[in-house]
Protein backbone atom coordinates (compact mmCIF):
# COMPACT_ATOMS: atom_id res chain seq x y z
CA MET A 1 -3.28 14.26 28.03
CA SER A 2 -2.54 16.65 25.46
CA VAL A 3 -1.01 13.91 23.17
CA VAL A 4 -1.96 10.29 22.90
CA ILE A 5 0.47 8.30 21.03
CA VAL A 6 -0.64 4.89 19.57
CA GLY A 7 2.10 2.20 19.50
CA ALA A 8 5.80 1.77 20.72
CA GLY A 9 7.83 1.02 18.13
CA PHE A 10 10.66 3.19 16.16
CA ALA A 11 7.93 5.63 15.26
CA GLY A 12 6.09 6.26 18.93
CA LEU A 13 9.08 5.88 20.79
CA GLY A 14 10.56 8.25 18.78
CA THR A 15 7.60 10.92 19.20
CA ALA A 16 7.51 10.51 22.48
CA VAL A 17 11.43 11.10 23.05
CA ARG A 18 10.65 14.67 21.00
CA LEU A 19 7.52 15.71 22.75
CA LEU A 20 9.12 15.36 26.05
CA GLN A 21 11.75 17.14 24.92
CA GLU A 22 9.56 19.97 23.38
CA GLY A 23 8.11 20.25 26.79
CA TYR A 24 4.59 17.93 26.36
CA ARG A 25 4.86 16.31 29.83
CA ASP A 26 1.17 14.95 29.40
CA LEU A 27 1.57 12.07 26.88
CA LEU A 28 0.92 8.72 26.53
CA ILE A 29 2.04 5.84 24.67
CA LEU A 30 -0.42 3.14 24.03
CA GLU A 31 1.16 -0.40 23.36
CA ARG A 32 -1.28 -3.06 23.11
CA ALA A 33 1.33 -6.16 23.77
CA ASP A 34 3.67 -6.18 26.65
CA GLU A 35 6.58 -5.38 25.82
CA VAL A 36 7.54 -2.46 23.25
CA GLY A 37 9.45 -2.84 20.30
CA GLY A 38 6.91 -2.75 17.62
CA THR A 39 7.95 -4.88 14.62
CA TRP A 40 10.77 -6.02 16.00
CA ARG A 41 9.57 -7.34 19.05
CA ASP A 42 6.84 -9.05 16.69
CA ASN A 43 9.05 -10.53 14.21
CA ALA A 44 11.55 -13.71 16.34
CA TYR A 45 11.50 -16.10 13.64
CA PRO A 46 15.24 -17.35 13.21
CA GLY A 47 17.22 -15.63 11.41
CA CYS A 48 15.52 -12.47 11.54
CA ALA A 49 17.59 -9.55 11.04
CA CYS A 50 17.22 -5.55 8.82
CA ASP A 51 18.03 -5.11 5.34
CA VAL A 52 18.87 -1.70 5.93
CA PRO A 53 22.42 -0.74 6.84
CA SER A 54 22.47 -0.76 10.81
CA ARG A 55 24.27 2.31 10.28
CA LEU A 56 21.10 4.10 8.61
CA TYR A 57 18.77 2.11 11.65
CA SER A 58 18.54 4.27 14.49
CA PHE A 59 17.44 7.61 15.74
CA SER A 60 19.51 10.52 14.13
CA PHE A 61 19.74 12.06 18.09
CA ALA A 62 20.26 8.71 19.04
CA PRO A 63 23.20 7.01 17.49
CA ASN A 64 24.15 3.60 18.33
CA PRO A 65 27.92 2.87 18.21
CA THR A 66 27.65 -0.99 18.94
CA TRP A 67 25.90 -2.64 16.32
CA SER A 68 27.64 -6.11 15.58
CA ARG A 69 26.82 -6.53 11.82
CA ARG A 70 26.23 -4.27 8.71
CA PHE A 71 22.80 -5.81 9.28
CA ALA A 72 21.97 -5.44 12.33
CA PRO A 73 19.94 -8.62 13.96
CA GLN A 74 16.65 -8.71 15.25
CA GLU A 75 17.75 -9.20 18.64
CA GLU A 76 20.01 -6.07 19.09
CA ILE A 77 17.12 -3.87 17.47
CA GLU A 78 15.07 -4.81 19.80
CA ARG A 79 17.25 -3.99 22.70
CA TYR A 80 18.48 -1.00 21.20
CA LEU A 81 14.34 0.37 21.65
CA LYS A 82 14.07 -0.64 25.36
CA ARG A 83 17.65 0.96 26.06
CA CYS A 84 15.44 4.24 24.10
CA VAL A 85 13.06 3.81 26.70
CA ASP A 86 15.75 3.78 29.67
CA GLU A 87 17.96 6.83 28.14
CA TYR A 88 14.96 9.12 27.73
CA ASP A 89 12.73 8.09 30.53
CA LEU A 90 9.61 6.71 28.90
CA THR A 91 8.31 3.96 31.10
CA PRO A 92 6.39 6.72 33.43
CA CYS A 93 4.98 7.62 29.77
CA LEU A 94 4.22 3.88 28.53
CA ARG A 95 0.58 2.50 28.97
CA LEU A 96 1.57 -1.24 28.42
CA GLY A 97 -1.52 -4.65 27.69
CA CYS A 98 -3.51 -1.06 26.28
CA GLU A 99 -5.33 -1.50 22.43
CA LEU A 100 -6.91 1.02 21.18
CA GLN A 101 -10.50 0.49 20.44
CA ARG A 102 -11.90 3.28 19.40
CA ALA A 103 -10.58 6.98 18.51
CA THR A 104 -13.79 9.36 18.15
CA TRP A 105 -13.26 13.39 16.95
CA ASP A 106 -15.80 15.77 19.08
CA PRO A 107 -15.85 19.03 17.05
CA ARG A 108 -17.73 20.73 20.17
CA LEU A 109 -14.62 19.86 22.57
CA LEU A 110 -12.24 19.65 19.81
CA ARG A 111 -10.78 16.30 21.44
CA TRP A 112 -10.55 13.05 20.65
CA GLU A 113 -12.29 10.55 22.88
CA LEU A 114 -10.78 7.50 23.12
CA GLU A 115 -12.24 4.03 23.62
CA THR A 116 -9.34 1.28 24.91
CA SER A 117 -9.16 -2.07 26.04
CA THR A 118 -8.16 -0.50 29.88
CA GLY A 119 -10.49 2.15 30.05
CA PRO A 120 -11.60 5.88 28.26
CA LEU A 121 -8.84 8.71 27.53
CA SER A 122 -9.71 12.15 25.89
CA ALA A 123 -7.10 13.72 23.99
CA GLY A 124 -6.11 16.91 22.00
CA LEU A 125 -4.32 15.04 19.70
CA VAL A 126 -3.68 11.53 18.28
CA VAL A 127 -0.53 9.97 17.02
CA MET A 128 -1.37 6.57 15.12
CA ALA A 129 2.69 5.11 15.24
CA GLN A 130 1.82 1.74 15.38
CA GLY A 131 3.32 0.82 11.70
CA PRO A 132 2.86 -0.64 8.92
CA LEU A 133 3.63 -4.00 9.80
CA SER A 134 1.83 -4.76 12.84
CA GLU A 135 -0.65 -6.86 10.93
CA PRO A 136 -0.25 -10.36 9.79
CA ALA A 137 -1.84 -10.98 6.59
CA ILE A 138 -3.86 -14.28 6.64
CA PRO A 139 -4.44 -15.44 3.23
CA SER A 140 -7.75 -16.36 2.20
CA LEU A 141 -7.61 -20.49 1.27
CA PRO A 142 -10.45 -22.59 1.20
CA GLY A 143 -9.41 -25.42 4.12
CA LEU A 144 -7.09 -23.27 6.34
CA LYS A 145 -9.46 -23.12 8.88
CA GLY A 146 -9.23 -26.78 8.97
CA PHE A 147 -5.72 -27.43 9.18
CA THR A 148 -4.77 -30.08 11.64
CA GLY A 149 -1.16 -29.59 12.30
CA GLU A 150 0.47 -26.68 13.67
CA LEU A 151 0.03 -23.21 12.11
CA PHE A 152 1.15 -20.10 12.30
CA HIS A 153 2.28 -16.84 11.29
CA SER A 154 5.76 -15.96 11.19
CA ALA A 155 5.23 -12.61 13.29
CA ARG A 156 3.70 -15.05 15.36
CA TRP A 157 6.81 -17.77 15.57
CA ARG A 158 5.99 -20.84 17.87
CA HIS A 159 9.80 -21.48 19.41
CA ASP A 160 8.71 -23.88 21.43
CA LEU A 161 8.01 -26.27 18.31
CA ASP A 162 10.75 -28.72 17.76
CA LEU A 163 10.73 -29.32 14.05
CA SER A 164 13.74 -31.72 13.44
CA ALA A 165 11.31 -34.04 12.31
CA GLN A 166 8.39 -32.41 11.04
CA ARG A 167 7.39 -31.95 7.13
CA VAL A 168 6.92 -28.26 7.33
CA GLY A 169 5.59 -26.02 4.77
CA VAL A 170 5.91 -22.34 3.70
CA LEU A 171 3.53 -20.28 2.33
CA GLY A 172 4.93 -17.33 1.03
CA THR A 173 8.69 -16.40 -0.66
CA GLY A 174 8.81 -12.41 0.41
CA ALA A 175 11.47 -10.29 3.14
CA SER A 176 10.61 -13.03 6.08
CA ALA A 177 10.62 -16.41 4.29
CA VAL A 178 13.75 -15.59 2.49
CA GLN A 179 15.30 -15.01 6.34
CA PHE A 180 13.48 -18.42 8.18
CA ILE A 181 13.87 -20.50 5.21
CA PRO A 182 17.59 -21.08 5.36
CA HIS A 183 17.10 -21.71 9.07
CA LEU A 184 14.30 -24.70 8.35
CA GLN A 185 16.45 -26.20 5.82
CA ARG A 186 18.62 -27.12 8.53
CA THR A 187 16.89 -27.97 11.18
CA ALA A 188 13.38 -29.65 9.52
CA LYS A 189 12.79 -33.22 7.96
CA HIS A 190 11.64 -31.65 4.78
CA VAL A 191 10.58 -28.13 3.39
CA THR A 192 7.90 -27.52 0.80
CA VAL A 193 8.63 -23.62 -0.15
CA PHE A 194 4.58 -22.47 -1.88
CA GLN A 195 5.88 -19.96 -4.03
CA ARG A 196 3.06 -17.83 -5.97
CA THR A 197 6.07 -15.06 -7.24
CA PRO A 198 9.45 -15.03 -6.83
CA SER A 199 11.46 -12.28 -6.12
CA TRP A 200 14.34 -10.36 -7.04
CA ILE A 201 17.62 -11.15 -4.65
CA ALA A 202 20.84 -9.23 -4.68
CA PRO A 203 23.68 -10.22 -2.62
CA ARG A 204 23.58 -9.21 0.98
CA ARG A 205 27.42 -8.92 2.04
CA ASP A 206 26.62 -9.10 5.60
CA ARG A 207 29.69 -8.84 7.81
CA PRO A 208 30.82 -8.14 11.87
CA VAL A 209 31.70 -4.68 12.42
CA PRO A 210 35.15 -4.50 13.68
CA GLU A 211 35.78 -3.88 17.34
CA TRP A 212 38.31 -1.29 16.85
CA GLN A 213 35.42 0.26 14.33
CA ARG A 214 32.98 0.41 17.40
CA ARG A 215 35.36 1.61 19.54
CA LEU A 216 35.78 4.69 17.25
CA PHE A 217 32.30 5.21 17.18
CA ARG A 218 31.80 5.01 20.95
CA LEU A 219 34.58 7.68 21.06
CA ALA A 220 34.44 10.11 18.14
CA PRO A 221 30.59 10.16 17.66
CA PRO A 222 31.00 12.63 15.45
CA VAL A 223 33.04 9.81 12.90
CA GLN A 224 29.74 7.41 12.90
CA ARG A 225 27.50 10.59 12.00
CA LEU A 226 29.84 11.13 8.88
CA ALA A 227 29.85 7.34 8.34
CA ARG A 228 26.06 7.48 8.98
CA GLY A 229 26.07 10.62 6.46
CA TRP A 230 28.17 8.68 3.73
CA GLU A 231 25.57 5.26 3.72
CA TYR A 232 22.69 7.66 3.47
CA MET A 233 23.70 9.30 0.21
CA ALA A 234 25.18 5.82 -1.25
CA ARG A 235 21.94 4.66 -0.46
CA GLU A 236 20.17 7.80 -2.60
CA THR A 237 22.36 7.22 -5.22
CA THR A 238 20.95 3.82 -5.88
CA LEU A 239 16.99 5.37 -5.91
CA PRO A 240 17.25 6.51 -9.72
CA ALA A 241 16.87 2.57 -10.77
CA LEU A 242 13.52 2.64 -8.88
CA LEU A 243 12.23 5.75 -10.42
CA GLY A 244 12.75 4.75 -13.98
CA ASN A 245 16.59 4.91 -15.24
CA ARG A 246 16.52 1.87 -17.21
CA THR A 247 20.61 1.74 -17.21
CA MET A 248 20.66 1.73 -13.31
CA ALA A 249 17.98 -0.92 -13.73
CA ALA A 250 19.84 -3.12 -15.93
CA LEU A 251 22.78 -2.91 -14.14
CA GLY A 252 20.98 -4.30 -11.22
CA ARG A 253 19.00 -6.97 -12.34
CA ARG A 254 22.17 -8.16 -14.22
CA GLU A 255 23.80 -8.53 -10.27
CA ALA A 256 20.77 -10.65 -9.38
CA LEU A 257 20.88 -12.59 -12.03
CA ALA A 258 24.42 -13.24 -11.98
CA HIS A 259 23.56 -13.82 -8.12
CA LEU A 260 21.04 -16.17 -8.85
CA HIS A 261 23.20 -17.98 -11.42
CA ARG A 262 26.09 -18.49 -9.15
CA GLN A 263 24.10 -19.81 -6.29
CA VAL A 264 22.01 -22.40 -8.17
CA ASN A 265 23.22 -24.55 -11.13
CA ASP A 266 19.73 -26.59 -11.93
CA PRO A 267 18.12 -24.62 -15.10
CA GLU A 268 14.81 -26.18 -13.67
CA LEU A 269 14.75 -24.56 -10.61
CA ARG A 270 16.73 -21.33 -11.82
CA SER A 271 13.73 -20.84 -14.08
CA LYS A 272 11.04 -21.25 -11.17
CA LEU A 273 12.66 -18.49 -9.35
CA THR A 274 13.67 -15.98 -12.49
CA PRO A 275 10.95 -12.95 -12.04
CA ASP A 276 8.96 -11.92 -14.68
CA TYR A 277 8.23 -8.20 -13.69
CA ALA A 278 10.62 -5.38 -13.74
CA LEU A 279 13.52 -5.26 -10.66
CA GLY A 280 12.11 -3.04 -8.01
CA CYS A 281 8.51 -3.12 -8.40
CA LYS A 282 8.69 -5.68 -5.63
CA ARG A 283 10.55 -5.23 -2.56
CA VAL A 284 14.41 -6.43 -4.34
CA LEU A 285 15.48 -8.93 -0.98
CA LEU A 286 19.17 -9.60 0.23
CA SER A 287 20.57 -12.88 0.70
CA ASP A 288 23.13 -14.96 0.51
CA ASP A 289 21.81 -18.21 2.04
CA TYR A 290 18.40 -18.29 0.64
CA TYR A 291 19.10 -19.91 -3.06
CA PRO A 292 21.39 -22.28 -1.20
CA ALA A 293 19.19 -23.17 0.35
CA LEU A 294 16.74 -24.23 -2.27
CA VAL A 295 19.03 -26.62 -3.93
CA GLN A 296 19.25 -28.47 -0.47
CA PRO A 297 17.54 -32.85 -1.17
CA ASN A 298 15.02 -31.88 1.91
CA VAL A 299 13.91 -28.29 0.24
CA GLN A 300 10.87 -28.55 -2.47
CA VAL A 301 10.19 -25.64 -4.13
CA VAL A 302 6.20 -25.82 -5.65
CA THR A 303 5.06 -23.05 -8.18
CA ASP A 304 1.54 -24.69 -8.98
CA PRO A 305 -1.47 -22.45 -7.76
CA ILE A 306 -3.04 -23.67 -4.29
CA ALA A 307 -6.21 -25.30 -4.54
CA SER A 308 -6.66 -25.71 -0.47
CA ILE A 309 -5.65 -26.74 2.13
CA GLY A 310 -6.26 -30.61 3.17
CA PRO A 311 -6.45 -31.33 6.69
CA ASN A 312 -3.07 -32.32 6.66
CA ALA A 313 -1.10 -31.46 3.17
CA VAL A 314 -1.70 -29.04 1.18
CA LEU A 315 -3.17 -29.13 -2.46
CA THR A 316 -2.15 -27.69 -5.57
CA THR A 317 -3.24 -27.59 -9.19
CA PRO A 318 -0.81 -28.87 -11.90
CA GLY A 319 0.53 -25.78 -13.75
CA GLY A 320 -2.88 -24.10 -12.67
CA ALA A 321 -4.81 -26.15 -15.41
CA GLN A 322 -8.46 -26.43 -15.81
CA ALA A 323 -10.75 -28.84 -17.34
CA ALA A 324 -11.32 -28.26 -21.00
CA PRO A 325 -14.43 -28.25 -22.48
CA GLY A 326 -16.38 -31.57 -21.72
CA GLY A 327 -12.96 -32.80 -20.27
CA THR A 328 -12.21 -33.59 -16.51
CA ALA A 329 -10.01 -31.01 -14.67
CA PRO A 330 -6.31 -32.59 -14.06
CA ALA A 331 -6.39 -33.63 -10.02
CA ASP A 332 -4.91 -31.99 -7.10
CA THR A 333 -1.16 -32.66 -6.31
CA ALA A 334 -1.23 -33.19 -2.47
CA HIS A 335 1.78 -31.93 -0.53
CA PRO A 336 1.95 -33.73 3.20
CA VAL A 337 2.86 -31.23 5.71
CA ASP A 338 3.22 -31.64 9.50
CA VAL A 339 4.10 -27.80 10.30
CA LEU A 340 2.17 -24.88 8.08
CA ILE A 341 4.43 -21.53 8.63
CA LEU A 342 2.72 -18.39 6.91
CA GLY A 343 4.95 -16.06 5.37
CA THR A 344 2.62 -14.17 3.82
CA GLY A 345 3.31 -10.58 4.82
CA PHE A 346 1.14 -7.33 6.87
CA ARG A 347 -2.03 -5.46 6.34
CA VAL A 348 0.03 -2.77 5.12
CA THR A 349 -3.03 -1.04 2.92
CA ASP A 350 -5.88 -2.07 4.19
CA ALA A 351 -4.77 -1.97 7.85
CA SER A 352 -7.79 -2.47 10.63
CA TYR A 353 -7.47 0.53 12.51
CA ALA A 354 -9.08 2.45 10.39
CA GLN A 355 -12.14 1.40 11.02
CA ARG A 356 -11.54 2.92 14.63
CA VAL A 357 -10.98 5.99 13.76
CA ILE A 358 -13.81 8.25 12.89
CA GLY A 359 -13.82 11.77 11.81
CA ASP A 360 -15.97 15.33 12.82
CA ASP A 361 -18.36 14.16 9.94
CA GLY A 362 -19.02 10.41 11.72
CA ARG A 363 -17.35 8.28 8.72
CA SER A 364 -14.07 5.74 9.08
CA LEU A 365 -11.17 6.27 7.78
CA TYR A 366 -12.02 3.13 5.96
CA GLU A 367 -14.95 4.42 4.52
CA VAL A 368 -13.13 7.66 3.29
CA TRP A 369 -10.41 6.10 2.50
CA GLN A 370 -12.53 3.78 0.25
CA GLY A 371 -9.45 1.41 -0.45
CA SER A 372 -7.15 3.58 -1.49
CA PRO A 373 -5.65 5.20 1.47
CA GLN A 374 -3.92 9.09 1.14
CA ALA A 375 -3.02 11.59 3.27
CA TYR A 376 -0.95 14.98 3.05
CA LEU A 377 2.85 14.49 3.64
CA GLY A 378 1.24 10.58 4.62
CA THR A 379 0.68 12.17 7.70
CA THR A 380 -2.96 14.33 7.88
CA VAL A 381 -5.92 13.39 6.68
CA ALA A 382 -8.91 16.04 5.65
CA GLY A 383 -11.76 15.59 8.27
CA PHE A 384 -9.39 13.97 10.83
CA PRO A 385 -8.38 17.31 13.07
CA ASN A 386 -5.34 16.89 15.31
CA LEU A 387 -4.83 13.77 13.97
CA PHE A 388 -1.11 12.59 12.99
CA LEU A 389 0.21 9.53 11.07
CA MET A 390 3.66 8.07 11.11
CA ALA A 391 5.02 5.71 8.36
CA GLY A 392 1.52 6.73 6.59
CA PRO A 393 0.50 6.44 2.99
CA ASN A 394 2.94 7.35 0.42
CA THR A 395 5.83 7.17 3.02
CA GLY A 396 7.59 4.12 2.51
CA VAL A 397 11.11 3.63 0.73
CA GLY A 398 12.27 0.40 -1.25
CA HIS A 399 16.02 1.70 -0.59
CA THR A 400 17.14 3.07 2.46
CA SER A 401 15.68 3.72 6.28
CA LEU A 402 12.38 4.50 7.08
CA ILE A 403 13.38 6.04 10.53
CA TYR A 404 14.34 8.91 8.24
CA MET A 405 11.05 9.56 6.78
CA ILE A 406 9.66 8.65 10.64
CA GLU A 407 11.99 11.92 11.74
CA SER A 408 11.03 13.78 9.25
CA GLN A 409 7.08 12.69 9.55
CA ILE A 410 7.88 14.02 13.56
CA ASN A 411 9.26 17.60 12.79
CA TYR A 412 6.32 18.22 11.09
CA LEU A 413 4.07 17.18 14.07
CA ILE A 414 6.65 19.56 15.84
CA SER A 415 5.90 22.56 13.92
CA ALA A 416 1.82 22.15 14.04
CA LEU A 417 2.24 21.80 18.07
CA ARG A 418 4.13 24.67 17.77
CA LEU A 419 2.01 26.67 15.88
CA MET A 420 -0.76 25.65 17.57
CA ARG A 421 0.95 26.75 20.61
CA SER A 422 1.49 30.03 19.88
CA ARG A 423 -1.75 30.83 18.12
CA SER A 424 -4.02 29.39 20.87
CA LEU A 425 -5.37 26.92 18.66
CA GLY A 426 -7.60 23.84 19.23
CA ALA A 427 -7.35 22.38 16.08
CA VAL A 428 -5.46 22.23 12.87
CA ASP A 429 -7.40 20.11 10.00
CA VAL A 430 -5.29 19.63 6.84
CA ARG A 431 -7.73 21.62 3.47
CA ALA A 432 -9.20 18.59 1.29
CA LYS A 433 -8.15 20.55 -1.27
CA THR A 434 -4.47 20.66 -0.76
CA GLN A 435 -4.93 17.02 0.06
CA HIS A 436 -6.20 16.19 -3.58
CA ALA A 437 -3.66 18.18 -5.11
CA TYR A 438 -0.84 16.79 -3.55
CA ASN A 439 -1.98 13.27 -4.42
CA ALA A 440 -2.49 13.88 -8.03
CA GLU A 441 1.58 15.20 -7.87
CA LEU A 442 2.42 12.18 -5.96
CA GLN A 443 0.44 9.45 -8.83
CA ASN A 444 1.78 12.24 -11.57
CA ARG A 445 5.26 11.15 -10.45
CA MET A 446 5.21 7.60 -9.95
CA ALA A 447 4.20 7.00 -13.18
CA PRO A 448 7.29 6.55 -14.47
CA THR A 449 8.18 4.57 -11.75
CA VAL A 450 8.84 0.95 -11.73
CA TRP A 451 5.99 0.37 -8.45
CA ALA A 452 3.63 1.60 -11.61
CA SER A 453 5.04 0.67 -14.44
CA GLY A 454 7.12 -2.72 -13.52
CA GLY A 455 4.24 -5.38 -14.54
CA CYS A 456 4.02 -6.85 -10.52
CA SER A 457 1.13 -6.56 -8.14
CA GLY A 458 2.00 -6.73 -4.36
CA TRP A 459 1.93 -4.96 -1.15
CA TYR A 460 3.20 -1.67 -2.51
CA GLN A 461 -0.57 -1.30 -4.80
CA ASP A 462 -4.21 -0.88 -2.68
CA ARG A 463 -7.07 -2.65 -4.20
CA THR A 464 -7.80 -0.09 -5.91
CA GLY A 465 -3.77 -0.77 -8.18
CA ARG A 466 -3.23 2.41 -6.92
CA VAL A 467 0.80 2.69 -5.29
CA THR A 468 -0.14 4.03 -1.93
CA THR A 469 2.83 3.03 0.13
CA ILE A 470 6.00 4.35 -1.27
CA TRP A 471 7.58 7.79 -1.66
CA PRO A 472 8.42 8.68 -5.52
CA ALA A 473 11.50 10.93 -5.02
CA PRO A 474 14.67 11.32 -2.98
CA THR A 475 13.78 11.56 0.73
CA TRP A 476 15.31 14.34 0.99
CA ARG A 477 12.72 16.14 -0.49
CA PHE A 478 10.30 14.84 1.97
CA ARG A 479 12.45 16.22 4.88
CA ARG A 480 12.13 19.26 2.97
CA ARG A 481 8.48 19.24 2.64
CA THR A 482 7.98 18.70 5.79
CA ARG A 483 10.03 21.14 7.70
CA ALA A 484 7.69 23.10 8.68
CA ILE A 485 3.37 23.16 8.72
CA GLU A 486 1.78 26.24 6.55
CA PRO A 487 -0.79 27.87 8.24
CA LYS A 488 -2.42 28.62 4.87
CA GLU A 489 -2.58 24.77 4.22
CA TYR A 490 -5.20 24.13 7.44
CA VAL A 491 -8.27 24.73 8.26
CA LEU A 492 -7.37 26.08 11.66
CA THR A 493 -9.56 26.56 15.16
CA ALA A 494 -9.48 28.64 17.89
CA SER A 495 -8.88 26.73 21.21
CA ARG A 496 -11.95 26.74 23.02
CA ASP A 497 -10.86 29.14 25.72
CA ALA A 498 -9.50 31.07 23.27
CA PRO A 499 -10.21 35.37 23.71
CA ASN A 500 -12.26 36.09 20.45
CA ARG A 501 -12.46 32.68 19.46
CA GLN A 502 -12.13 32.29 15.66
CA VAL A 503 -12.91 29.46 12.87
CA SER A 504 -10.25 30.22 10.08
CA GLY A 505 -11.63 28.68 6.50
CA GLY A 506 -15.13 27.53 5.80
CA PRO A 507 -15.99 23.78 4.87
CA ASP A 508 -13.46 21.63 3.20
CA ARG A 509 -13.94 18.01 3.35
CA VAL A 510 -13.48 15.09 1.41
CA GLY A 511 -16.37 13.60 0.54
CA ALA A 512 -17.13 9.50 0.07
CA GLY A 513 -18.26 10.09 -4.12
CA GLU A 514 -15.92 12.75 -4.80
CA ALA A 515 -13.35 11.65 -7.48
CA GLN A 516 -10.27 10.24 -6.31
CA PRO A 517 -7.07 11.68 -8.36
CA GLY A 518 -6.13 9.37 -10.85
CA SER A 519 -9.63 7.81 -11.08
């Protein structure tokens, strides 16, 4: 194949559509599941919906005038992606039930040799589009494997379970949990929420999209594009609060605290739910029914640290207390549960795919990154020719739609392919000095932002403490920087059958022992 795309969510399908439009017919989309949809296929828990306005949550080349709500529910987003497959005739390109097991660059053939669950493949170029929210994070807790009740992650929801007579425990209070906990409160006998860190929560203000507006968008697409542009600009105006503007951050904090005070009267519970870090340091969540669920009599919020998991209970240490010298540690408190649900997020900065992708010097992405993912423009990595990452390091956003960033990266990929075609190139490999300089610039920009200085830890940071998930600037700047590939920033290798085959540039690699920017 000319191109193999890994993943059939927004990034993978969007890339395939654009490549087909560019004339690349010999491409393949590998999807380990039996259906397309990515995170919107996997996360089908009750109440699952987007926290980005639906006007922004579609491809720019495939607007959807039929969203039923301001924040689209999961099932509508999944249907939208399946409709894109049909409208752009992507089915022949799909290989479902096929998991990438290993990808190795062959510097002699200038190709990626792939091992998959259904057999070997060879590709001139590989696009990793599996998405940052594709691998559930399972906490390492003593006794978790010995729990005898039903145990599952929110991305693997058990719809077959009747929870009406069950005592349910929930680990985590992130973006997924605030959506499914209100459902649990209405259906389960009792819900115990184990909270390590409270989240900042702002009003959601969801509402149905009027039928007249949907009809207008169907009949007058320019009007929908105008509404989308207005929504985009409105979201961008909120970014300074995250980049260090204290006045705007204070306004957001005031709104979130007022929301908490309106919905939670109990001062003790309110204290438990009040974050002690800057607004935006972790993702700001949107909900109008989470706080009301927590004040119901069948819900308990536990903030004591978890000591271990018993066969049918979660054990917590009161206040995290330890034994005084010569004294006895306080007894752990047992919270009986029949069902345990993990709302513990995803492996964003340590995804397992990095161990399966082997570059030109025999090292994997995992070995090169050493726990701190880096790429150039979040897309290419030195020493891994013809590999393009979608939604890669430092492309995440905390205020708007990730699809905008993904489409910017697709533009960059298309530009690279046009360069390769016009110059008869077999490989492009970003220079290490280019990658180093770019990431040093990113971390300098990151320093005053709330993500680096907000006093919290979470999935925005990698295991070294660096923020390697978020783009620290307006998204239009990323769009401008990814408009076209700059040849001088890459080592360009002529194709094997090109006349007068040459290589531009010499060895230029990121070494395992080299100092990384900001270290």
